[in-house]
Amino acid sequence: MSFINTFRRLPILFLFLNASCGWNPARETRHWLELETDGLRFGIDRDLSLSVYYGTDAVPTWRSMTPSIEIGARESQKETGPRTMSCTAATRQQADEYRKGELEGYRVRLSGWKETDAVLGCDLALDREGRLHVRISQAGGEDTIREVLDLYTLALEPDPSSYLVVPWGSGYMIRSDSPSPVALSGLLGAEYSLPLFGLVAGGRSAYPIVETWWNAAVRVDHEPGRQSRVALDWKASLDRLSYPRRAVWSFEQGQDHVDLAKAYRRHVEATRPLPSLSTRMASDPGLKRFLLGIEYRLIEWNPEHHPQVLDNIRRFQAAGLPVSFFHPKWPAERGRRPAGRST
């Protein structure tokens, strides 16, 4: 009798073990590392892929794409340019327990790529609120890690109760079943108005607060009838991953886009001073003058408009209106708006 046939003929035994020993198939996640907090389990694979389970669910609600790294070219390889390598191709993985203050988790090192000696470091730790703190850096090697891509990238399936929360301009909510395609990309400090984006799937949500936002880029892709994805990429600074990058991920239940905004405000209040505008105006005459006046801005740079702009400013001043003028730094292109700007 074969091993497989033996198990096919003993379903009653499995039911008995489940009832008498408390065996739960949801616990058999088979991940390399696991973290657990009240109501949440995190599975971390050897390529740093992340799976997030709620309660005793056997299937993760959130499963990330596999991250990759971009290696800068050596002096002898300048003509080939940077090389991108999947974290799946790393042949050596090391994980040590990590504790710092209230954080507890793992300090992971990936290395052994065929074409580079670079070592990628990643700390993954939970705080007392069950939030996942992710810290990325280069931890060794003579080669230079320029960027880390898709750490992390999450997706939604088409569903009328699921949507993306994207702080582009005054904010987008993109339903995952929307018939209109959406493609956005850019740095958080330039194209996006907040270092936060979110995914809501029914009553469950996932969102990072990006603490080192100035070299963090976000890609948003929605194709009707397919997955809606939000990707977080850590970009180069001075042509390398020159300082550790940090994000705090939250995975909640019963939260919507309003709760995400409130969570960001609580995070800011807890991590840095947040004085009111009236307090700031009292100590900053320039800010007070700006807020009590009007802002006049051009949407694009065009020398042909300058005479009319100056005339308008004189009219505002003659009418007694305190005016602040915003002069854009990007040039206009005939027949189209500046690249990367929303309409």
Protein backbone atom coordinates (compact mmCIF):
# COMPACT_ATOMS: atom_id res chain seq x y z
CA MET A 1 0.00 0.00 0.00
CA SER A 2 1.45 3.37 -1.01
CA PHE A 3 1.90 6.31 1.37
CA ILE A 4 -0.58 8.43 -0.63
CA ASN A 5 -3.22 5.69 -0.67
CA THR A 6 -2.86 5.21 3.06
CA PHE A 7 -3.81 8.83 3.68
CA ARG A 8 -6.64 8.69 1.18
CA ARG A 9 -8.20 5.81 3.12
CA LEU A 10 -7.95 7.41 6.57
CA PRO A 11 -10.12 10.56 6.58
CA ILE A 12 -11.70 9.43 9.86
CA LEU A 13 -8.27 9.41 11.52
CA PHE A 14 -7.69 13.03 10.48
CA LEU A 15 -11.07 14.07 11.87
CA PHE A 16 -10.25 12.32 15.14
CA LEU A 17 -6.84 14.04 15.42
CA ASN A 18 -8.38 17.41 14.64
CA ALA A 19 -11.06 17.02 17.32
CA SER A 20 -8.95 15.43 20.04
CA CYS A 21 -5.59 17.20 19.62
CA GLY A 22 -6.74 20.63 18.53
CA TRP A 23 -4.87 20.40 15.19
CA ASN A 24 -5.65 23.40 13.02
CA PRO A 25 -4.76 23.30 9.30
CA ALA A 26 -4.56 27.09 9.30
CA ARG A 27 -1.41 26.83 11.43
CA GLU A 28 0.38 24.76 8.76
CA THR A 29 1.48 27.80 6.78
CA ARG A 30 4.98 26.46 6.04
CA HIS A 31 6.67 29.84 5.94
CA TRP A 32 10.35 30.30 6.73
CA LEU A 33 9.62 32.73 9.57
CA GLU A 34 6.46 33.72 11.41
CA LEU A 35 5.36 36.60 13.62
CA GLU A 36 2.12 36.66 15.55
CA THR A 37 0.03 39.21 17.38
CA ASP A 38 -3.60 39.38 18.51
CA GLY A 39 -5.71 38.32 15.54
CA LEU A 40 -2.87 38.43 12.98
CA ARG A 41 -0.16 36.11 11.71
CA PHE A 42 2.67 37.10 9.39
CA GLY A 43 4.45 34.56 7.21
CA ILE A 44 7.85 35.54 5.82
CA ASP A 45 9.43 33.44 3.08
CA ARG A 46 13.13 33.13 2.25
CA ASP A 47 12.79 35.68 -0.56
CA LEU A 48 11.20 38.19 1.90
CA SER A 49 7.73 37.67 0.43
CA LEU A 50 5.06 38.47 3.00
CA SER A 51 1.74 36.75 3.73
CA VAL A 52 -0.76 38.12 6.26
CA TYR A 53 -3.44 35.95 7.87
CA TYR A 54 -6.38 37.11 9.98
CA GLY A 55 -7.43 34.94 12.91
CA THR A 56 -7.39 31.26 12.04
CA ASP A 57 -7.71 31.79 8.27
CA ALA A 58 -5.90 29.13 6.25
CA VAL A 59 -5.53 31.48 3.26
CA PRO A 60 -3.76 34.85 3.56
CA THR A 61 -5.78 37.99 2.91
CA TRP A 62 -2.63 39.77 1.77
CA ARG A 63 0.23 38.18 -0.16
CA SER A 64 3.03 40.32 -1.50
CA MET A 65 4.95 40.07 -4.73
CA THR A 66 8.56 38.90 -4.55
CA PRO A 67 10.96 41.80 -3.96
CA SER A 68 14.07 42.37 -6.07
CA ILE A 69 17.25 44.45 -5.84
CA GLU A 70 19.04 46.62 -8.37
CA ILE A 71 22.83 46.43 -8.29
CA GLY A 72 24.97 49.30 -9.55
CA ALA A 73 27.50 48.49 -12.25
CA ARG A 74 31.16 48.15 -11.28
CA GLU A 75 33.73 50.37 -12.97
CA SER A 76 34.64 47.55 -15.35
CA GLN A 77 30.95 46.99 -16.20
CA LYS A 78 29.72 50.55 -16.75
CA GLU A 79 28.60 49.74 -20.27
CA THR A 80 26.19 47.06 -19.02
CA GLY A 81 24.38 49.36 -16.56
CA PRO A 82 22.58 48.33 -13.35
CA ARG A 83 21.36 44.76 -12.93
CA THR A 84 18.06 43.71 -11.34
CA MET A 85 17.96 40.45 -9.39
CA SER A 86 15.04 38.75 -7.70
CA CYS A 87 15.34 37.96 -4.01
CA THR A 88 14.36 34.42 -4.97
CA ALA A 89 17.83 34.07 -6.52
CA ALA A 90 19.60 34.70 -3.20
CA THR A 91 21.10 31.36 -2.10
CA ARG A 92 21.95 32.31 1.49
CA GLN A 93 19.48 33.48 4.11
CA GLN A 94 20.16 34.23 7.75
CA ALA A 95 17.65 35.23 10.40
CA ASP A 96 18.38 36.29 13.98
CA GLU A 97 15.97 37.37 16.68
CA TYR A 98 15.67 41.14 16.84
CA ARG A 99 14.62 43.26 19.82
CA LYS A 100 14.80 47.04 20.07
CA GLY A 101 12.65 48.89 22.57
CA GLU A 102 9.10 47.63 22.12
CA LEU A 103 9.92 46.00 18.76
CA GLU A 104 10.33 42.23 18.52
CA GLY A 105 10.95 40.24 15.36
CA TYR A 106 13.76 39.15 13.05
CA ARG A 107 16.89 40.62 11.50
CA VAL A 108 17.26 38.98 8.09
CA ARG A 109 20.27 38.91 5.75
CA LEU A 110 20.06 37.80 2.11
CA SER A 111 23.16 37.11 0.00
CA GLY A 112 24.61 34.59 -2.41
CA TRP A 113 23.33 36.05 -5.66
CA LYS A 114 25.25 34.58 -8.57
CA GLU A 115 26.40 37.91 -10.00
CA THR A 116 27.02 40.03 -6.88
CA ASP A 117 28.50 39.89 -3.40
CA ALA A 118 25.98 42.41 -2.02
CA VAL A 119 24.17 41.62 1.23
CA LEU A 120 20.63 42.91 1.77
CA GLY A 121 19.51 43.54 5.33
CA CYS A 122 15.86 43.58 6.37
CA ASP A 123 14.48 43.99 9.88
CA LEU A 124 10.87 42.84 10.36
CA ALA A 125 9.42 43.45 13.81
CA LEU A 126 6.09 43.98 15.54
CA ASP A 127 5.27 46.74 18.00
CA ARG A 128 2.73 46.54 20.84
CA GLU A 129 -0.07 47.67 18.54
CA GLY A 130 0.57 44.81 16.12
CA ARG A 131 2.07 47.02 13.40
CA LEU A 132 4.84 45.56 11.25
CA HIS A 133 7.99 47.70 11.14
CA VAL A 134 10.12 47.10 8.04
CA ARG A 135 13.67 48.45 7.77
CA ILE A 136 15.80 47.93 4.64
CA SER A 137 19.53 48.58 4.20
CA GLN A 138 22.68 47.25 2.58
CA ALA A 139 24.39 45.03 5.14
CA GLY A 140 27.62 44.11 3.33
CA GLY A 141 29.43 43.43 0.08
CA GLU A 142 31.62 45.52 -2.21
CA ASP A 143 28.93 45.87 -4.86
CA THR A 144 26.39 48.64 -4.38
CA ILE A 145 22.68 48.05 -3.92
CA ARG A 146 21.02 50.96 -5.72
CA GLU A 147 17.34 50.16 -5.22
CA VAL A 148 14.99 47.66 -3.63
CA LEU A 149 11.81 47.08 -5.63
CA ASP A 150 8.40 45.73 -4.62
CA LEU A 151 9.01 45.80 -0.89
CA TYR A 152 6.18 45.63 -0.53
CA THR A 153 3.68 45.28 -3.38
CA LEU A 154 0.10 44.22 -2.57
CA ALA A 155 -2.91 43.70 -4.82
CA LEU A 156 -6.71 43.53 -4.83
CA GLU A 157 -8.92 41.30 -6.92
CA PRO A 158 -11.87 42.95 -8.73
CA ASP A 159 -14.68 43.38 -6.22
CA PRO A 160 -17.25 46.13 -5.59
CA SER A 161 -16.27 46.31 -1.90
CA SER A 162 -12.52 46.70 -2.53
CA TYR A 163 -10.60 49.84 -3.42
CA LEU A 164 -7.23 51.58 -3.35
CA VAL A 165 -6.59 54.75 -1.35
CA VAL A 166 -4.06 56.91 -3.19
CA PRO A 167 -2.98 60.40 -2.01
CA TRP A 168 -2.55 61.80 -5.51
CA GLY A 169 -3.58 65.47 -5.51
CA SER A 170 -6.57 65.77 -3.21
CA GLY A 171 -6.83 61.97 -3.05
CA TYR A 172 -8.09 59.08 -5.18
CA MET A 173 -10.28 56.12 -4.24
CA ILE A 174 -9.93 53.57 -7.02
CA ARG A 175 -12.46 50.74 -6.98
CA SER A 176 -10.92 47.42 -7.91
CA ASP A 177 -13.88 46.70 -10.23
CA SER A 178 -13.68 50.10 -11.96
CA PRO A 179 -13.94 49.93 -15.78
CA SER A 180 -11.42 52.79 -16.15
CA PRO A 181 -7.67 52.00 -16.18
CA VAL A 182 -5.37 53.93 -13.84
CA ALA A 183 -1.55 54.15 -13.93
CA LEU A 184 0.28 56.46 -11.51
CA SER A 185 3.90 56.59 -10.42
CA GLY A 186 6.31 58.94 -8.71
CA LEU A 187 8.14 59.84 -5.53
CA LEU A 188 6.13 60.31 -2.35
CA GLY A 189 7.62 63.73 -1.75
CA ALA A 190 6.79 64.95 -5.25
CA GLU A 191 3.75 63.37 -6.88
CA TYR A 192 1.93 62.25 -3.74
CA SER A 193 0.54 64.46 -1.00
CA LEU A 194 0.99 62.02 1.93
CA PRO A 195 3.50 59.25 2.73
CA LEU A 196 0.63 56.78 3.03
CA PHE A 197 -1.40 54.64 0.66
CA GLY A 198 -3.88 51.89 1.38
CA LEU A 199 -5.80 48.87 0.17
CA VAL A 200 -9.27 48.04 1.48
CA ALA A 201 -10.74 44.58 0.80
CA GLY A 202 -14.24 44.47 2.24
CA GLY A 203 -13.77 44.88 5.98
CA ARG A 204 -9.98 44.42 5.93
CA SER A 205 -7.33 47.01 5.17
CA ALA A 206 -3.59 47.25 4.67
CA TYR A 207 -1.56 50.43 4.62
CA PRO A 208 2.03 51.56 5.19
CA ILE A 209 3.15 54.82 6.71
CA VAL A 210 6.44 55.49 4.96
CA GLU A 211 8.79 57.11 7.45
CA THR A 212 11.73 57.69 5.06
CA TRP A 213 9.54 59.02 2.26
CA TRP A 214 11.98 61.28 0.38
CA ASN A 215 13.44 58.47 -1.79
CA ALA A 216 10.39 56.21 -1.78
CA ALA A 217 8.43 55.73 -5.00
CA VAL A 218 4.93 54.33 -5.42
CA ARG A 219 3.45 52.68 -8.50
CA VAL A 220 -0.32 52.30 -8.81
CA ASP A 221 -1.71 50.07 -11.57
CA HIS A 222 -5.35 49.24 -12.13
CA GLU A 223 -6.42 47.28 -15.21
CA PRO A 224 -10.15 46.59 -15.48
CA GLY A 225 -10.91 42.95 -14.82
CA ARG A 226 -7.44 42.27 -13.38
CA GLN A 227 -5.61 42.89 -10.13
CA SER A 228 -5.23 46.44 -8.79
CA ARG A 229 -1.70 46.85 -7.42
CA VAL A 230 0.18 49.31 -5.27
CA ALA A 231 3.97 48.91 -5.27
CA LEU A 232 6.50 50.49 -2.91
CA ASP A 233 10.02 50.89 -4.33
CA TRP A 234 13.04 52.22 -2.42
CA LYS A 235 15.01 54.42 -4.82
CA ALA A 236 18.70 55.32 -4.90
CA SER A 237 20.13 58.30 -3.08
CA LEU A 238 23.48 59.41 -4.53
CA ASP A 239 23.35 56.28 -6.72
CA ARG A 240 23.08 53.87 -3.80
CA LEU A 241 20.86 52.71 -0.93
CA SER A 242 22.81 55.16 1.19
CA TYR A 243 20.69 55.09 4.38
CA PRO A 244 18.20 52.67 5.97
CA ARG A 245 14.63 52.90 4.63
CA ARG A 246 11.68 52.45 6.99
CA ALA A 247 7.95 51.86 6.73
CA VAL A 248 5.33 50.88 9.30
CA TRP A 249 2.64 48.54 7.95
CA SER A 250 -0.79 48.20 9.55
CA PHE A 251 -3.29 45.43 8.81
CA GLU A 252 -6.70 46.15 10.29
CA GLN A 253 -10.35 45.10 10.27
CA GLY A 254 -13.36 47.38 10.03
CA GLN A 255 -11.44 50.41 8.74
CA ASP A 256 -12.04 52.56 5.66
CA HIS A 257 -10.28 55.50 4.01
CA VAL A 258 -11.29 57.88 6.83
CA ASP A 259 -9.75 55.60 9.45
CA LEU A 260 -6.52 55.47 7.42
CA ALA A 261 -6.26 59.27 7.48
CA LYS A 262 -6.93 59.32 11.25
CA ALA A 263 -4.28 56.65 11.79
CA TYR A 264 -1.72 58.77 9.95
CA ARG A 265 -2.53 61.79 12.10
CA ARG A 266 -2.14 59.72 15.28
CA HIS A 267 1.21 58.46 14.03
CA VAL A 268 2.44 61.98 13.33
CA GLU A 269 1.23 63.26 16.71
CA ALA A 270 3.02 60.40 18.46
CA THR A 271 6.33 60.78 16.61
CA ARG A 272 6.81 64.54 16.19
CA PRO A 273 5.34 67.86 17.41
CA LEU A 274 2.22 68.92 15.53
CA PRO A 275 1.41 72.54 16.50
CA SER A 276 -1.78 74.14 15.26
CA LEU A 277 -1.73 76.73 12.48
CA SER A 278 -2.69 79.47 14.94
CA THR A 279 0.33 78.59 17.08
CA ARG A 280 2.64 78.61 14.09
CA MET A 281 1.20 81.89 12.79
CA ALA A 282 1.93 83.57 16.13
CA SER A 283 5.64 82.80 15.81
CA ASP A 284 6.02 83.08 12.02
CA PRO A 285 4.94 86.43 10.50
CA GLY A 286 5.69 85.19 6.99
CA LEU A 287 3.34 82.23 7.37
CA LYS A 288 0.65 84.50 8.83
CA ARG A 289 0.97 86.90 5.90
CA PHE A 290 0.74 84.02 3.43
CA LEU A 291 -2.32 82.40 5.03
CA LEU A 292 -4.22 85.69 5.34
CA GLY A 293 -3.57 86.55 1.70
CA ILE A 294 -4.21 84.86 -1.63
CA GLU A 295 -1.99 82.62 -3.70
CA TYR A 296 -1.71 83.27 -7.43
CA ARG A 297 -0.05 80.49 -9.38
CA LEU A 298 0.68 79.43 -12.92
CA ILE A 299 0.09 75.80 -13.84
CA GLU A 300 3.06 75.74 -16.21
CA TRP A 301 6.14 77.78 -17.10
CA ASN A 302 5.77 79.85 -20.28
CA PRO A 303 7.67 83.13 -20.90
CA GLU A 304 4.87 84.36 -23.19
CA HIS A 305 2.58 84.60 -20.15
CA HIS A 306 4.90 86.76 -18.03
CA PRO A 307 3.60 90.21 -19.08
CA GLN A 308 0.01 89.19 -18.32
CA VAL A 309 1.06 87.65 -15.00
CA LEU A 310 2.85 90.84 -13.87
CA ASP A 311 -0.16 92.93 -14.87
CA ASN A 312 -2.48 90.67 -12.84
CA ILE A 313 -0.22 90.93 -9.77
CA ARG A 314 -0.29 94.75 -9.99
CA ARG A 315 -4.10 94.66 -10.17
CA PHE A 316 -4.27 92.46 -7.04
CA GLN A 317 -1.94 94.79 -5.15
CA ALA A 318 -3.84 97.89 -6.27
CA ALA A 319 -7.03 96.32 -4.90
CA GLY A 320 -5.33 95.89 -1.52
CA LEU A 321 -5.04 92.10 -1.78
CA PRO A 322 -1.87 90.57 -0.26
CA VAL A 323 -0.73 88.20 -3.00
CA SER A 324 1.85 85.38 -3.03
CA PHE A 325 2.95 84.31 -6.48
CA PHE A 326 3.88 80.69 -7.27
CA HIS A 327 6.14 80.32 -10.30
CA PRO A 328 6.35 76.71 -11.59
CA LYS A 329 9.73 75.19 -12.36
CA TRP A 330 8.67 72.89 -15.19
CA PRO A 331 8.43 74.07 -18.82
CA ALA A 332 5.32 73.79 -20.94
CA GLU A 333 5.26 71.53 -23.99
CA ARG A 334 3.01 72.60 -26.80
CA GLY A 335 -0.08 70.40 -27.08
CA ARG A 336 0.39 68.52 -23.80
CA ARG A 337 0.69 69.04 -20.08
CA PRO A 338 4.03 68.57 -18.30
CA ALA A 339 4.96 64.90 -17.89
CA GLY A 340 3.91 63.31 -14.64
CA ARG A 341 1.38 66.03 -13.74
CA SER A 342 -2.27 65.21 -13.19
CA THR A 343 -4.99 67.18 -14.92
